[in-house]
């Protein structure tokens, strides 16, 4: 597996991964699939702000991507990042997400980030376990803060100091 910076040619796969999760999953609480224009703007904004977008690939096939942004928009949160890791379904459970997160943590350290936050759907026990393997600790839970698929969703907030 190769972990590298994502590039503009990766956007169709990134868009497909995002939209699959929007339509079928609860790791993204959006309702509407993203458009090609929206993913282009998303990518350009990340690059303009110096935020990484990294990709995992094997044999020329992109398996997933990861990124981060400030946890909150106010300046006082500038050293705390909330990350996202998305994989194609067949890549899950094979250590690819761990590789992406390890690289993302390295990049965060290079940018003098103090802590990383994962906001995880409380029903996603695999994601909670994934974060725990990487040294994240549960620091809070919020009940019924999301609504998707005609039901209320809880989140678990996990944190790791760098």
C-alpha atoms as a PDB file:
ATOM      1  CA  UNK A   1       0.000   0.000   0.000  1.00  0.00           C
ATOM      2  CA  UNK A   2       1.184   3.488  -0.873  1.00  0.00           C
ATOM      3  CA  UNK A   3       0.100   6.586   1.048  1.00  0.00           C
ATOM      4  CA  UNK A   4       0.572   9.820  -0.860  1.00  0.00           C
ATOM      5  CA  UNK A   5      -0.789  13.301  -1.294  1.00  0.00           C
ATOM      6  CA  UNK A   6      -4.091  13.238  -3.123  1.00  0.00           C
ATOM      7  CA  UNK A   7      -4.250  15.142  -6.377  1.00  0.00           C
ATOM      8  CA  UNK A   8      -6.869  16.547  -8.700  1.00  0.00           C
ATOM      9  CA  UNK A   9      -7.053  13.252 -10.614  1.00  0.00           C
ATOM     10  CA  UNK A  10      -8.230  11.543  -7.402  1.00  0.00           C
ATOM     11  CA  UNK A  11     -11.331  13.702  -7.083  1.00  0.00           C
ATOM     12  CA  UNK A  12     -13.724  11.361  -8.945  1.00  0.00           C
ATOM     13  CA  UNK A  13     -12.843   8.516  -6.552  1.00  0.00           C
ATOM     14  CA  UNK A  14     -12.971  10.814  -3.496  1.00  0.00           C
ATOM     15  CA  UNK A  15     -16.375  12.038  -4.660  1.00  0.00           C
ATOM     16  CA  UNK A  16     -17.604   8.466  -5.095  1.00  0.00           C
ATOM     17  CA  UNK A  17     -16.399   7.481  -1.598  1.00  0.00           C
ATOM     18  CA  UNK A  18     -17.974  10.580  -0.012  1.00  0.00           C
ATOM     19  CA  UNK A  19     -21.268  10.075  -1.803  1.00  0.00           C
ATOM     20  CA  UNK A  20     -21.473   6.382  -0.941  1.00  0.00           C
ATOM     21  CA  UNK A  21     -21.155   7.272   2.735  1.00  0.00           C
ATOM     22  CA  UNK A  22     -23.636  10.153   2.459  1.00  0.00           C
ATOM     23  CA  UNK A  23     -26.238   7.911   0.823  1.00  0.00           C
ATOM     24  CA  UNK A  24     -25.663   4.734   2.856  1.00  0.00           C
ATOM     25  CA  UNK A  25     -23.816   5.531   6.076  1.00  0.00           C
ATOM     26  CA  UNK A  26     -23.743   7.554   9.238  1.00  0.00           C
ATOM     27  CA  UNK A  27     -20.127   8.665   9.405  1.00  0.00           C
ATOM     28  CA  UNK A  28     -21.240  11.713   7.415  1.00  0.00           C
ATOM     29  CA  UNK A  29     -24.490  13.364   8.463  1.00  0.00           C
ATOM     30  CA  UNK A  30     -25.058  15.109   5.125  1.00  0.00           C
ATOM     31  CA  UNK A  31     -28.212  14.162   3.253  1.00  0.00           C
ATOM     32  CA  UNK A  32     -27.418  15.191  -0.320  1.00  0.00           C
ATOM     33  CA  UNK A  33     -24.604  13.752  -2.438  1.00  0.00           C
ATOM     34  CA  UNK A  34     -21.845  16.182  -3.381  1.00  0.00           C
ATOM     35  CA  UNK A  35     -21.454  17.419  -6.945  1.00  0.00           C
ATOM     36  CA  UNK A  36     -18.266  17.529  -8.996  1.00  0.00           C
ATOM     37  CA  UNK A  37     -18.167  21.290  -8.472  1.00  0.00           C
ATOM     38  CA  UNK A  38     -18.499  20.929  -4.688  1.00  0.00           C
ATOM     39  CA  UNK A  39     -15.697  18.370  -4.421  1.00  0.00           C
ATOM     40  CA  UNK A  40     -13.472  20.596  -6.562  1.00  0.00           C
ATOM     41  CA  UNK A  41     -14.163  23.578  -4.249  1.00  0.00           C
ATOM     42  CA  UNK A  42     -13.572  21.372  -1.189  1.00  0.00           C
ATOM     43  CA  UNK A  43     -10.201  20.237  -2.541  1.00  0.00           C
ATOM     44  CA  UNK A  44      -9.098  23.716  -3.600  1.00  0.00           C
ATOM     45  CA  UNK A  45     -10.024  25.152  -0.198  1.00  0.00           C
ATOM     46  CA  UNK A  46      -8.039  22.422   1.575  1.00  0.00           C
ATOM     47  CA  UNK A  47      -4.970  23.144  -0.521  1.00  0.00           C
ATOM     48  CA  UNK A  48      -5.293  26.921  -0.132  1.00  0.00           C
ATOM     49  CA  UNK A  49      -5.397  26.556   3.659  1.00  0.00           C
ATOM     50  CA  UNK A  50      -2.510  24.078   3.804  1.00  0.00           C
ATOM     51  CA  UNK A  51      -4.685  21.198   4.980  1.00  0.00           C
ATOM     52  CA  UNK A  52      -3.586  17.753   3.859  1.00  0.00           C
ATOM     53  CA  UNK A  53      -5.645  15.428   1.745  1.00  0.00           C
ATOM     54  CA  UNK A  54      -3.871  12.089   1.550  1.00  0.00           C
ATOM     55  CA  UNK A  55      -4.750   8.960  -0.378  1.00  0.00           C
ATOM     56  CA  UNK A  56      -4.082   5.254   0.094  1.00  0.00           C
ATOM     57  CA  UNK A  57      -3.647   3.206  -3.037  1.00  0.00           C
ATOM     58  CA  UNK A  58      -2.631  -0.282  -3.966  1.00  0.00           C
ATOM     59  CA  UNK A  59      -1.802  -1.491  -7.458  1.00  0.00           C
ATOM     60  CA  UNK A  60      -2.941   1.855  -8.847  1.00  0.00           C
ATOM     61  CA  UNK A  61      -6.367   1.684  -7.182  1.00  0.00           C
ATOM     62  CA  UNK A  62      -7.339   4.321  -4.641  1.00  0.00           C
ATOM     63  CA  UNK A  63      -8.672   2.683  -1.474  1.00  0.00           C
ATOM     64  CA  UNK A  64      -9.414   5.712   0.658  1.00  0.00           C
ATOM     65  CA  UNK A  65      -8.424   9.162   1.796  1.00  0.00           C
ATOM     66  CA  UNK A  66      -7.973  11.220   4.957  1.00  0.00           C
ATOM     67  CA  UNK A  67      -7.853  14.888   5.868  1.00  0.00           C
ATOM     68  CA  UNK A  68      -8.352  17.317   8.721  1.00  0.00           C
ATOM     69  CA  UNK A  69      -9.651  20.795   9.447  1.00  0.00           C
ATOM     70  CA  UNK A  70      -9.810  22.944  12.565  1.00  0.00           C
ATOM     71  CA  UNK A  71     -12.193  21.514  15.151  1.00  0.00           C
ATOM     72  CA  UNK A  72     -13.980  24.854  15.324  1.00  0.00           C
ATOM     73  CA  UNK A  73     -13.600  28.019  13.241  1.00  0.00           C
ATOM     74  CA  UNK A  74     -12.540  30.481  15.950  1.00  0.00           C
ATOM     75  CA  UNK A  75      -8.796  31.273  16.096  1.00  0.00           C
ATOM     76  CA  UNK A  76      -8.388  29.806  19.572  1.00  0.00           C
ATOM     77  CA  UNK A  77      -9.024  26.323  18.131  1.00  0.00           C
ATOM     78  CA  UNK A  78      -6.233  26.554  15.539  1.00  0.00           C
ATOM     79  CA  UNK A  79      -4.136  23.815  17.174  1.00  0.00           C
ATOM     80  CA  UNK A  80      -6.948  21.254  17.430  1.00  0.00           C
ATOM     81  CA  UNK A  81      -7.951  19.404  14.271  1.00  0.00           C
ATOM     82  CA  UNK A  82     -10.936  17.209  13.521  1.00  0.00           C
ATOM     83  CA  UNK A  83     -10.009  14.461  11.105  1.00  0.00           C
ATOM     84  CA  UNK A  84     -11.894  12.386   8.580  1.00  0.00           C
ATOM     85  CA  UNK A  85     -10.937   8.999   7.152  1.00  0.00           C
ATOM     86  CA  UNK A  86     -12.980   7.393   4.387  1.00  0.00           C
ATOM     87  CA  UNK A  87     -12.377   4.015   2.749  1.00  0.00           C
ATOM     88  CA  UNK A  88     -14.034   2.094  -0.027  1.00  0.00           C
ATOM     89  CA  UNK A  89     -16.104  -0.689   1.605  1.00  0.00           C
ATOM     90  CA  UNK A  90     -13.824  -3.542   0.521  1.00  0.00           C
ATOM     91  CA  UNK A  91     -10.777  -1.829   2.067  1.00  0.00           C
ATOM     92  CA  UNK A  92     -12.198  -1.679   5.590  1.00  0.00           C
ATOM     93  CA  UNK A  93     -10.665  -3.795   8.344  1.00  0.00           C
ATOM     94  CA  UNK A  94      -7.349  -4.285   6.542  1.00  0.00           C
ATOM     95  CA  UNK A  95      -5.173  -1.690   8.288  1.00  0.00           C
ATOM     96  CA  UNK A  96      -5.500   0.888   5.518  1.00  0.00           C
ATOM     97  CA  UNK A  97      -7.259   3.382   7.767  1.00  0.00           C
ATOM     98  CA  UNK A  98      -4.519   2.936  10.379  1.00  0.00           C
ATOM     99  CA  UNK A  99      -1.881   3.751   7.752  1.00  0.00           C
ATOM    100  CA  UNK A 100      -3.776   6.849   6.664  1.00  0.00           C
ATOM    101  CA  UNK A 101      -4.219   8.050  10.247  1.00  0.00           C
ATOM    102  CA  UNK A 102      -0.572   7.445  11.143  1.00  0.00           C
ATOM    103  CA  UNK A 103       0.476   9.603   8.196  1.00  0.00           C
ATOM    104  CA  UNK A 104      -2.145  12.228   9.021  1.00  0.00           C
ATOM    105  CA  UNK A 105      -0.814  12.407  12.585  1.00  0.00           C
ATOM    106  CA  UNK A 106       2.734  12.883  11.249  1.00  0.00           C
ATOM    107  CA  UNK A 107       1.527  15.753   9.065  1.00  0.00           C
ATOM    108  CA  UNK A 108      -0.362  17.297  11.990  1.00  0.00           C
ATOM    109  CA  UNK A 109       2.766  17.184  14.133  1.00  0.00           C
ATOM    110  CA  UNK A 110       4.713  18.897  11.334  1.00  0.00           C
ATOM    111  CA  UNK A 111       2.085  21.676  11.445  1.00  0.00           C
ATOM    112  CA  UNK A 112       2.420  21.961  15.249  1.00  0.00           C
ATOM    113  CA  UNK A 113      -1.058  20.637  15.891  1.00  0.00           C
ATOM    114  CA  UNK A 114      -1.660  19.939  19.582  1.00  0.00           C
ATOM    115  CA  UNK A 115      -4.556  17.478  19.430  1.00  0.00           C
ATOM    116  CA  UNK A 116      -6.732  15.527  17.034  1.00  0.00           C
ATOM    117  CA  UNK A 117     -10.463  15.026  17.474  1.00  0.00           C
ATOM    118  CA  UNK A 118     -12.588  12.247  16.048  1.00  0.00           C
ATOM    119  CA  UNK A 119     -16.352  12.745  16.049  1.00  0.00           C
ATOM    120  CA  UNK A 120     -17.762   9.247  15.631  1.00  0.00           C
ATOM    121  CA  UNK A 121     -21.325   8.029  15.226  1.00  0.00           C
ATOM    122  CA  UNK A 122     -21.961   6.233  18.539  1.00  0.00           C
ATOM    123  CA  UNK A 123     -23.361   3.158  16.788  1.00  0.00           C
ATOM    124  CA  UNK A 124     -20.126   2.693  14.816  1.00  0.00           C
ATOM    125  CA  UNK A 125     -18.287   0.379  17.213  1.00  0.00           C
ATOM    126  CA  UNK A 126     -15.660  -0.402  14.544  1.00  0.00           C
ATOM    127  CA  UNK A 127     -14.700   3.265  14.258  1.00  0.00           C
ATOM    128  CA  UNK A 128     -14.556   3.662  18.031  1.00  0.00           C
ATOM    129  CA  UNK A 129     -12.251   0.615  18.218  1.00  0.00           C
ATOM    130  CA  UNK A 130     -10.165   1.958  15.319  1.00  0.00           C
ATOM    131  CA  UNK A 131      -9.615   5.236  17.163  1.00  0.00           C
ATOM    132  CA  UNK A 132      -8.796   3.461  20.419  1.00  0.00           C
ATOM    133  CA  UNK A 133      -6.081   1.426  18.632  1.00  0.00           C
ATOM    134  CA  UNK A 134      -4.511   4.724  17.600  1.00  0.00           C
ATOM    135  CA  UNK A 135      -4.455   6.077  21.152  1.00  0.00           C
ATOM    136  CA  UNK A 136      -7.635   8.158  21.017  1.00  0.00           C
ATOM    137  CA  UNK A 137      -9.686   8.327  24.198  1.00  0.00           C
ATOM    138  CA  UNK A 138     -13.388   8.950  24.603  1.00  0.00           C
ATOM    139  CA  UNK A 139     -13.760  12.443  26.061  1.00  0.00           C
ATOM    140  CA  UNK A 140     -17.477  12.901  25.605  1.00  0.00           C
ATOM    141  CA  UNK A 141     -20.773  11.735  24.221  1.00  0.00           C
ATOM    142  CA  UNK A 142     -23.613  13.780  22.861  1.00  0.00           C
ATOM    143  CA  UNK A 143     -27.040  12.278  22.506  1.00  0.00           C
ATOM    144  CA  UNK A 144     -29.413  12.871  19.618  1.00  0.00           C
ATOM    145  CA  UNK A 145     -27.386  15.650  17.996  1.00  0.00           C
ATOM    146  CA  UNK A 146     -27.754  14.251  14.481  1.00  0.00           C
ATOM    147  CA  UNK A 147     -30.758  13.142  12.486  1.00  0.00           C
ATOM    148  CA  UNK A 148     -30.496  10.868   9.475  1.00  0.00           C
ATOM    149  CA  UNK A 149     -32.420   7.919   8.040  1.00  0.00           C
ATOM    150  CA  UNK A 150     -35.487   8.923  10.091  1.00  0.00           C
ATOM    151  CA  UNK A 151     -33.761   8.478  13.440  1.00  0.00           C
ATOM    152  CA  UNK A 152     -31.789  10.456  16.011  1.00  0.00           C
ATOM    153  CA  UNK A 153     -28.057   9.801  16.132  1.00  0.00           C
ATOM    154  CA  UNK A 154     -25.585  10.079  19.001  1.00  0.00           C
ATOM    155  CA  UNK A 155     -21.908  10.926  18.679  1.00  0.00           C
ATOM    156  CA  UNK A 156     -18.812   9.940  20.618  1.00  0.00           C
ATOM    157  CA  UNK A 157     -15.996  12.476  20.758  1.00  0.00           C
ATOM    158  CA  UNK A 158     -12.507  10.979  20.853  1.00  0.00           C
ATOM    159  CA  UNK A 159      -9.253  12.869  21.340  1.00  0.00           C
ATOM    160  CA  UNK A 160      -5.541  12.227  21.056  1.00  0.00           C
ATOM    161  CA  UNK A 161      -2.835  14.646  22.128  1.00  0.00           C
ATOM    162  CA  UNK A 162       0.096  14.851  19.758  1.00  0.00           C
END
